[in-house]
Protein backbone atom coordinates (compact mmCIF):
# COMPACT_ATOMS: atom_id res chain seq x y z
CA MET A 1 0.00 0.00 0.00
CA SER A 2 2.90 2.38 0.65
CA ARG A 3 3.79 2.18 -3.03
CA VAL A 4 0.22 3.18 -3.94
CA HIS A 5 0.23 6.17 -1.57
CA ASP A 6 3.64 7.29 -2.85
CA ALA A 7 2.30 7.17 -6.40
CA LEU A 8 -0.76 9.21 -5.50
CA ARG A 9 1.39 11.84 -3.80
CA ARG A 10 3.53 12.08 -6.93
CA ALA A 11 0.34 12.44 -8.98
CA GLU A 12 -0.73 15.46 -6.99
CA GLN A 13 2.71 17.03 -7.31
CA THR A 14 3.24 16.38 -11.03
CA GLY A 15 -0.33 16.38 -12.38
CA VAL A 16 0.54 13.43 -14.63
CA LEU A 17 -1.48 10.23 -14.89
CA SER A 18 -0.18 6.88 -15.98
CA PRO A 19 -1.79 3.47 -16.42
CA PRO A 20 -3.10 1.86 -13.25
CA MET A 21 -1.30 -1.03 -11.58
CA SER A 22 -2.88 -4.18 -10.19
CA ARG A 23 -2.51 -4.68 -6.48
CA PRO A 24 -1.08 -7.89 -5.03
CA PRO A 25 -3.73 -10.56 -4.39
CA GLY A 26 -3.81 -9.83 -0.65
CA GLU A 27 -4.66 -6.15 -1.09
CA GLY A 28 -8.11 -6.44 -2.63
CA ARG A 29 -9.42 -5.97 -6.16
CA ALA A 30 -9.47 -2.18 -6.35
CA ALA A 31 -6.39 -0.65 -7.95
CA ALA A 32 -4.82 2.77 -7.68
CA ALA A 33 -4.15 5.19 -10.51
CA VAL A 34 -0.38 5.33 -10.33
CA VAL A 35 1.98 7.87 -11.78
CA ASP A 36 4.83 7.52 -14.18
CA ALA A 37 6.96 10.66 -14.28
CA ASP A 38 7.99 9.89 -17.85
CA ALA A 39 4.42 9.70 -19.18
CA SER A 40 2.53 12.80 -20.29
CA LEU A 41 -1.18 13.45 -20.47
CA ALA A 42 -0.79 14.94 -23.93
CA GLY A 43 0.59 11.68 -25.27
CA LEU A 44 -2.15 9.58 -23.70
CA LEU A 45 -4.82 10.51 -26.26
CA GLU A 46 -2.53 9.46 -29.08
CA GLN A 47 -2.69 5.90 -27.76
CA VAL A 48 -6.50 5.73 -27.70
CA GLU A 49 -8.05 3.29 -30.16
CA GLU A 50 -10.08 4.91 -32.93
CA VAL A 51 -13.46 3.42 -33.82
CA PRO A 52 -15.83 4.26 -36.70
CA PHE A 53 -18.88 6.40 -36.04
CA ARG A 54 -21.62 3.80 -36.16
CA THR A 55 -24.74 4.13 -34.03
CA ALA A 56 -27.56 1.76 -33.29
CA THR A 57 -30.43 2.23 -35.76
CA ASP A 58 -32.89 2.98 -32.97
CA SER A 59 -30.53 5.05 -30.83
CA LEU A 60 -32.02 8.43 -31.87
CA LEU A 61 -28.66 10.15 -31.59
CA ILE A 62 -28.52 13.53 -33.30
CA ASP A 63 -27.10 13.59 -36.81
CA VAL A 64 -24.54 16.36 -37.17
CA THR A 65 -24.75 16.00 -40.95
CA ARG A 66 -28.37 17.21 -40.74
CA PRO A 67 -27.96 20.33 -38.61
CA HIS A 68 -31.41 21.79 -39.26
CA GLU A 69 -33.35 18.99 -37.57
CA ALA A 70 -35.17 20.05 -34.41
CA PRO A 71 -33.25 17.82 -31.93
CA MET A 72 -29.91 19.13 -33.22
CA GLU A 73 -31.09 22.70 -32.74
CA GLU A 74 -32.18 21.98 -29.18
CA PHE A 75 -28.87 20.44 -28.18
CA ARG A 76 -27.04 23.34 -29.82
CA THR A 77 -29.02 25.65 -27.56
CA LEU A 78 -28.09 23.56 -24.53
CA ARG A 79 -24.46 23.57 -25.65
CA THR A 80 -24.47 27.35 -26.07
CA ARG A 81 -25.87 27.91 -22.59
CA LEU A 82 -23.31 25.61 -21.00
CA ASN A 83 -20.45 27.21 -22.92
CA HIS A 84 -21.65 30.63 -21.76
CA MET A 85 -21.67 29.41 -18.15
CA LYS A 86 -18.16 28.09 -18.67
CA SER A 87 -17.01 31.55 -19.75
CA LEU A 88 -18.21 32.91 -16.40
CA GLN A 89 -16.95 30.17 -14.10
CA PRO A 90 -14.71 27.10 -14.38
CA ILE A 91 -16.93 24.26 -15.61
CA HIS A 92 -15.36 21.23 -17.26
CA SER A 93 -17.03 18.15 -15.75
CA VAL A 94 -20.82 17.68 -15.75
CA VAL A 95 -22.89 14.82 -14.34
CA VAL A 96 -26.07 14.06 -16.29
CA THR A 97 -28.74 12.29 -14.26
CA SER A 98 -32.51 12.10 -13.78
CA PRO A 99 -34.92 11.47 -10.92
CA SER A 100 -36.08 8.07 -12.22
CA PRO A 101 -35.31 5.60 -15.04
CA ALA A 102 -36.65 6.04 -18.59
CA GLU A 103 -36.46 9.85 -18.55
CA GLY A 104 -33.77 10.26 -21.21
CA LYS A 105 -30.60 10.96 -19.24
CA SER A 106 -28.28 8.65 -21.21
CA LEU A 107 -29.47 9.87 -24.58
CA SER A 108 -29.28 13.49 -23.43
CA ALA A 109 -25.71 12.97 -22.22
CA ALA A 110 -24.70 11.33 -25.51
CA ASN A 111 -26.33 14.01 -27.66
CA LEU A 112 -24.85 16.83 -25.60
CA ALA A 113 -21.41 15.24 -25.99
CA LEU A 114 -21.92 14.96 -29.75
CA ALA A 115 -23.00 18.60 -29.96
CA GLN A 116 -19.98 19.76 -27.94
CA ALA A 117 -17.56 17.63 -29.98
CA HIS A 118 -18.96 19.15 -33.19
CA LEU A 119 -17.21 22.45 -32.38
CA ALA A 120 -13.70 22.76 -33.76
CA GLY A 121 -11.06 21.93 -31.18
CA ASN A 122 -13.65 21.19 -28.48
CA THR A 123 -12.29 17.85 -27.28
CA THR A 124 -15.05 16.06 -25.36
CA LEU A 125 -15.20 12.89 -23.25
CA LEU A 126 -18.45 10.99 -22.74
CA ALA A 127 -17.92 8.68 -19.76
CA ASP A 128 -20.44 6.03 -18.71
CA PHE A 129 -20.47 6.03 -14.90
CA ASP A 130 -23.74 4.14 -14.76
CA PHE A 131 -22.18 0.85 -13.71
CA ARG A 132 -25.60 -0.57 -12.86
CA ARG A 133 -27.30 -0.26 -16.23
CA PRO A 134 -24.85 1.16 -18.79
CA ILE A 135 -26.02 2.01 -22.28
CA VAL A 136 -23.48 4.39 -23.83
CA HIS A 137 -21.61 1.51 -25.47
CA THR A 138 -24.86 0.32 -27.07
CA LEU A 139 -25.70 3.78 -28.43
CA PHE A 140 -22.35 3.98 -30.24
CA GLY A 141 -22.04 0.32 -31.20
CA ILE A 142 -18.85 -0.40 -29.25
CA ASP A 143 -17.92 -3.03 -26.67
CA ARG A 144 -18.78 -2.40 -23.03
CA SER A 145 -15.37 -3.64 -21.92
CA PRO A 146 -12.60 -2.60 -21.55
CA GLY A 147 -13.86 0.51 -19.82
CA MET A 148 -14.00 2.50 -16.61
CA THR A 149 -14.43 -0.35 -14.13
CA ASP A 150 -11.59 -2.29 -15.76
CA TYR A 151 -9.33 0.72 -15.26
CA LEU A 152 -10.37 1.21 -11.62
CA LEU A 153 -9.78 -2.49 -10.94
CA GLY A 154 -6.26 -2.13 -12.28
CA LYS A 155 -6.69 -4.42 -15.27
CA ILE A 156 -5.88 -1.92 -18.03
CA PRO A 157 -4.12 1.44 -18.53
CA LEU A 158 -6.28 4.54 -18.91
CA HIS A 159 -5.95 4.87 -22.69
CA ARG A 160 -7.41 1.38 -23.20
CA ALA A 161 -10.55 2.41 -21.30
CA MET A 162 -11.32 5.01 -24.00
CA ARG A 163 -12.29 5.03 -27.67
CA LYS A 164 -12.02 7.93 -30.11
CA VAL A 165 -14.86 8.32 -32.58
CA ALA A 166 -13.25 8.67 -36.00
CA GLY A 167 -13.54 12.08 -37.63
CA THR A 168 -14.74 13.82 -34.46
CA ASN A 169 -13.45 15.39 -31.25
CA LEU A 170 -15.46 12.86 -29.24
CA TYR A 171 -13.91 10.28 -26.92
CA ILE A 172 -16.01 7.61 -25.24
CA MET A 173 -15.29 5.74 -22.03
CA PRO A 174 -17.73 2.83 -21.68
CA ALA A 175 -18.67 1.46 -18.27
CA GLY A 176 -16.50 -1.65 -18.44
CA GLU A 177 -17.20 -5.07 -16.99
CA ALA A 178 -20.09 -5.54 -14.56
CA VAL A 179 -19.28 -5.12 -10.87
CA ILE A 180 -21.24 -6.06 -7.76
CA ASN A 181 -20.17 -3.01 -5.75
CA PRO A 182 -20.57 0.07 -8.00
CA LEU A 183 -20.94 2.61 -5.18
CA GLU A 184 -17.90 1.28 -3.33
CA LEU A 185 -15.91 1.50 -6.55
CA LEU A 186 -16.98 5.12 -7.05
CA ASN A 187 -15.86 5.93 -3.51
CA LEU A 188 -12.26 5.07 -4.36
CA ARG A 189 -9.92 8.04 -4.12
CA GLU A 190 -8.72 7.18 -7.62
CA VAL A 191 -12.08 8.28 -9.06
CA LYS A 192 -11.70 11.80 -7.68
CA LEU A 193 -8.07 11.91 -8.80
CA LEU A 194 -9.07 10.88 -12.31
CA ILE A 195 -11.94 13.39 -12.61
CA ASP A 196 -9.67 16.14 -11.31
CA ARG A 197 -7.03 15.35 -13.95
CA LEU A 198 -9.29 14.83 -16.98
CA PRO A 199 -9.77 18.59 -17.65
CA SER A 200 -6.09 18.61 -18.62
CA LEU A 201 -7.09 16.40 -21.53
CA PHE A 202 -10.62 17.47 -22.43
CA ASN A 203 -12.57 20.72 -22.69
CA TRP A 204 -15.71 18.90 -21.52
CA ILE A 205 -16.16 15.72 -19.50
CA ILE A 206 -19.78 14.52 -19.52
CA LEU A 207 -20.68 11.72 -17.12
CA ASP A 208 -23.77 9.56 -17.50
CA SER A 209 -24.91 8.30 -14.09
CA PRO A 210 -27.77 6.29 -12.52
CA PRO A 211 -31.06 7.98 -11.54
CA LEU A 212 -30.93 9.92 -8.28
CA LEU A 213 -33.91 8.28 -6.58
CA PHE A 214 -32.71 4.73 -7.25
CA ALA A 215 -29.02 4.93 -6.30
CA ALA A 216 -26.62 7.26 -4.50
CA ASP A 217 -24.08 7.15 -7.34
CA ALA A 218 -25.12 10.40 -9.03
CA SER A 219 -25.19 12.29 -5.74
CA LEU A 220 -21.63 11.14 -5.03
CA LEU A 221 -20.44 12.01 -8.54
CA SER A 222 -22.00 15.47 -8.27
CA THR A 223 -19.60 16.24 -5.40
CA LEU A 224 -16.66 15.38 -7.67
CA CYS A 225 -17.75 17.39 -10.71
CA HIS A 226 -18.25 21.06 -11.47
CA GLY A 227 -21.96 20.80 -12.23
CA THR A 228 -25.04 18.61 -12.56
CA LEU A 229 -27.72 18.49 -15.24
CA LEU A 230 -31.07 17.01 -14.26
CA VAL A 231 -33.07 15.43 -17.10
CA VAL A 232 -36.85 15.24 -16.78
CA ARG A 233 -39.35 13.81 -19.23
CA ILE A 234 -42.44 15.76 -20.17
CA GLY A 235 -45.59 13.87 -19.22
CA HIS A 236 -43.62 11.36 -17.14
CA THR A 237 -41.61 13.10 -14.41
CA THR A 238 -43.62 14.42 -11.46
CA ILE A 239 -42.93 17.58 -9.46
CA ASP A 240 -42.57 15.46 -6.35
CA SER A 241 -39.84 13.31 -7.91
CA VAL A 242 -37.95 16.42 -9.08
CA THR A 243 -38.15 17.90 -5.58
CA ARG A 244 -36.93 14.71 -3.93
CA ALA A 245 -34.16 14.34 -6.53
CA MET A 246 -32.91 17.88 -5.89
CA GLN A 247 -32.98 17.28 -2.14
CA SER A 248 -30.95 14.08 -2.53
CA LEU A 249 -28.00 15.94 -4.06
CA CYS A 250 -25.14 16.62 -1.69
CA ASN A 251 -23.91 19.63 -3.68
CA ASN A 252 -25.90 22.66 -4.72
CA ASN A 253 -24.32 22.72 -8.17
CA VAL A 254 -27.27 22.04 -10.48
CA LEU A 255 -26.62 23.92 -13.71
CA GLY A 256 -30.12 23.43 -15.03
CA ILE A 257 -32.94 21.06 -15.92
CA VAL A 258 -33.26 19.49 -19.37
CA ALA A 259 -36.89 18.97 -20.41
CA ASN A 260 -36.82 15.84 -22.55
CA GLY A 261 -39.45 14.24 -24.75
CA ALA A 262 -41.02 17.40 -26.24
CA ARG A 263 -42.59 16.91 -29.65
CA ARG A 264 -41.64 19.13 -32.52
CA GLY A 265 -45.13 20.63 -32.74
CA GLU A 266 -44.82 21.71 -29.12
CA LEU A 267 -41.40 23.25 -29.71
CA TYR A 268 -42.24 25.24 -32.82
CA SER A 269 -46.02 25.65 -32.81
CA LYS A 270 -45.71 29.45 -32.57
CA TYR A 271 -42.80 29.71 -34.97
CA THR A 272 -43.78 27.30 -37.72
CA TYR A 273 -43.19 29.75 -40.55
CA TYR A 274 -39.83 30.89 -39.17
CA HIS A 275 -38.55 27.36 -38.62
CA SER A 276 -39.81 26.12 -41.99
CA TYR A 277 -38.13 29.05 -43.74
CA TYR A 278 -34.74 28.16 -42.28
CA THR A 279 -35.11 24.39 -42.64
CA PRO A 280 -34.22 23.21 -46.16
CA LYS A 281 -36.00 20.12 -47.43
CA ASP A 282 -34.16 17.29 -49.14
CA LYS A 283 -35.40 16.34 -52.56
CA GLY A 284 -37.91 13.58 -52.36
CA GLU A 285 -38.38 14.07 -48.64
CA ASP A 286 -41.90 13.81 -47.36
CA ALA A 287 -43.11 17.24 -46.28
CA ASP A 288 -44.53 15.75 -43.08
CA GLU A 289 -41.41 13.86 -42.10
CA ASP A 290 -39.87 16.61 -39.98
CA ALA A 291 -43.16 17.24 -38.21
CA ALA A 292 -43.45 13.66 -36.98
CA ALA A 293 -42.14 13.01 -33.51
CA PRO A 294 -39.64 10.18 -33.20
CA PRO A 295 -40.93 7.03 -31.53
CA PRO A 296 -40.02 6.86 -27.86
CA VAL A 297 -37.14 4.66 -26.88
CA GLY A 298 -36.09 4.15 -23.32
CA ASP A 299 -33.32 4.44 -20.76
CA GLY A 300 -31.67 1.83 -22.52
CA ALA A 301 -34.66 1.35 -24.70
CA ASP A 302 -37.17 3.96 -23.62
CA GLU A 303 -35.51 7.33 -23.97
CA ASP A 304 -36.98 10.09 -26.07
CA GLN A 305 -34.90 12.22 -28.36
CA GLY A 306 -34.74 15.93 -27.94
CA ALA A 307 -34.04 18.20 -25.03
């Protein structure tokens, strides 16, 4: 253990992360993020595996090649507001959560990360910290493991826990292998050390986390990050659940509430002419296609698109 503590002290002094090291069998499964003075954070991203941008057909992720679609516009608005907040105060890491399951938190986190990564030079990490029911890997069609839990357990170096989406500024850290003690794993000092160091690599770190009223994970993560976004679903989330979710947070760092599941007609009913004027139609495209709301998919399979 003395070697682990020495490494962590060097980490705080140098600000440099290196791959984690497995502990001896008698010291438990959890591993420490150790430091190698010769390694640099800048070189770490160069080692990350690149994967093609392929999404599940029913994932309802925004399409940056079709920027005039309503969901893309909404997440641009959310991105603009967060970037404005960042200009006023230091905000790099954001936890995205919801009061209950099936309210759209995972999809909102993924779409916000895509919108941020669409800006030139805006390097963004989407990290799946929902170790109980992860879905980020499914949305982007990548393997769940290796990922975050594998890194924390000392099985892999940090760069192997990430993937870079080809042609974008987006990096993804899937949840990793299933664990039976997710909250205990999140309480490791290495988690805080990692989240504190990641802003040296990324402009934005967006964490997907479990719902607040079903696990304490998001409340813990909110104390380690600069801000929290609460996702609610129109017609599904109750005022009581929002109140209890807000009260469950240890930190008063809620940046805002994302209203998910709005239909296009509700968003643009008063501005139909304006929005139609600025929305070009593809040849052969059905005139009613853009007006149709996407079918709901859920927290895993029930999440609506749109913020």
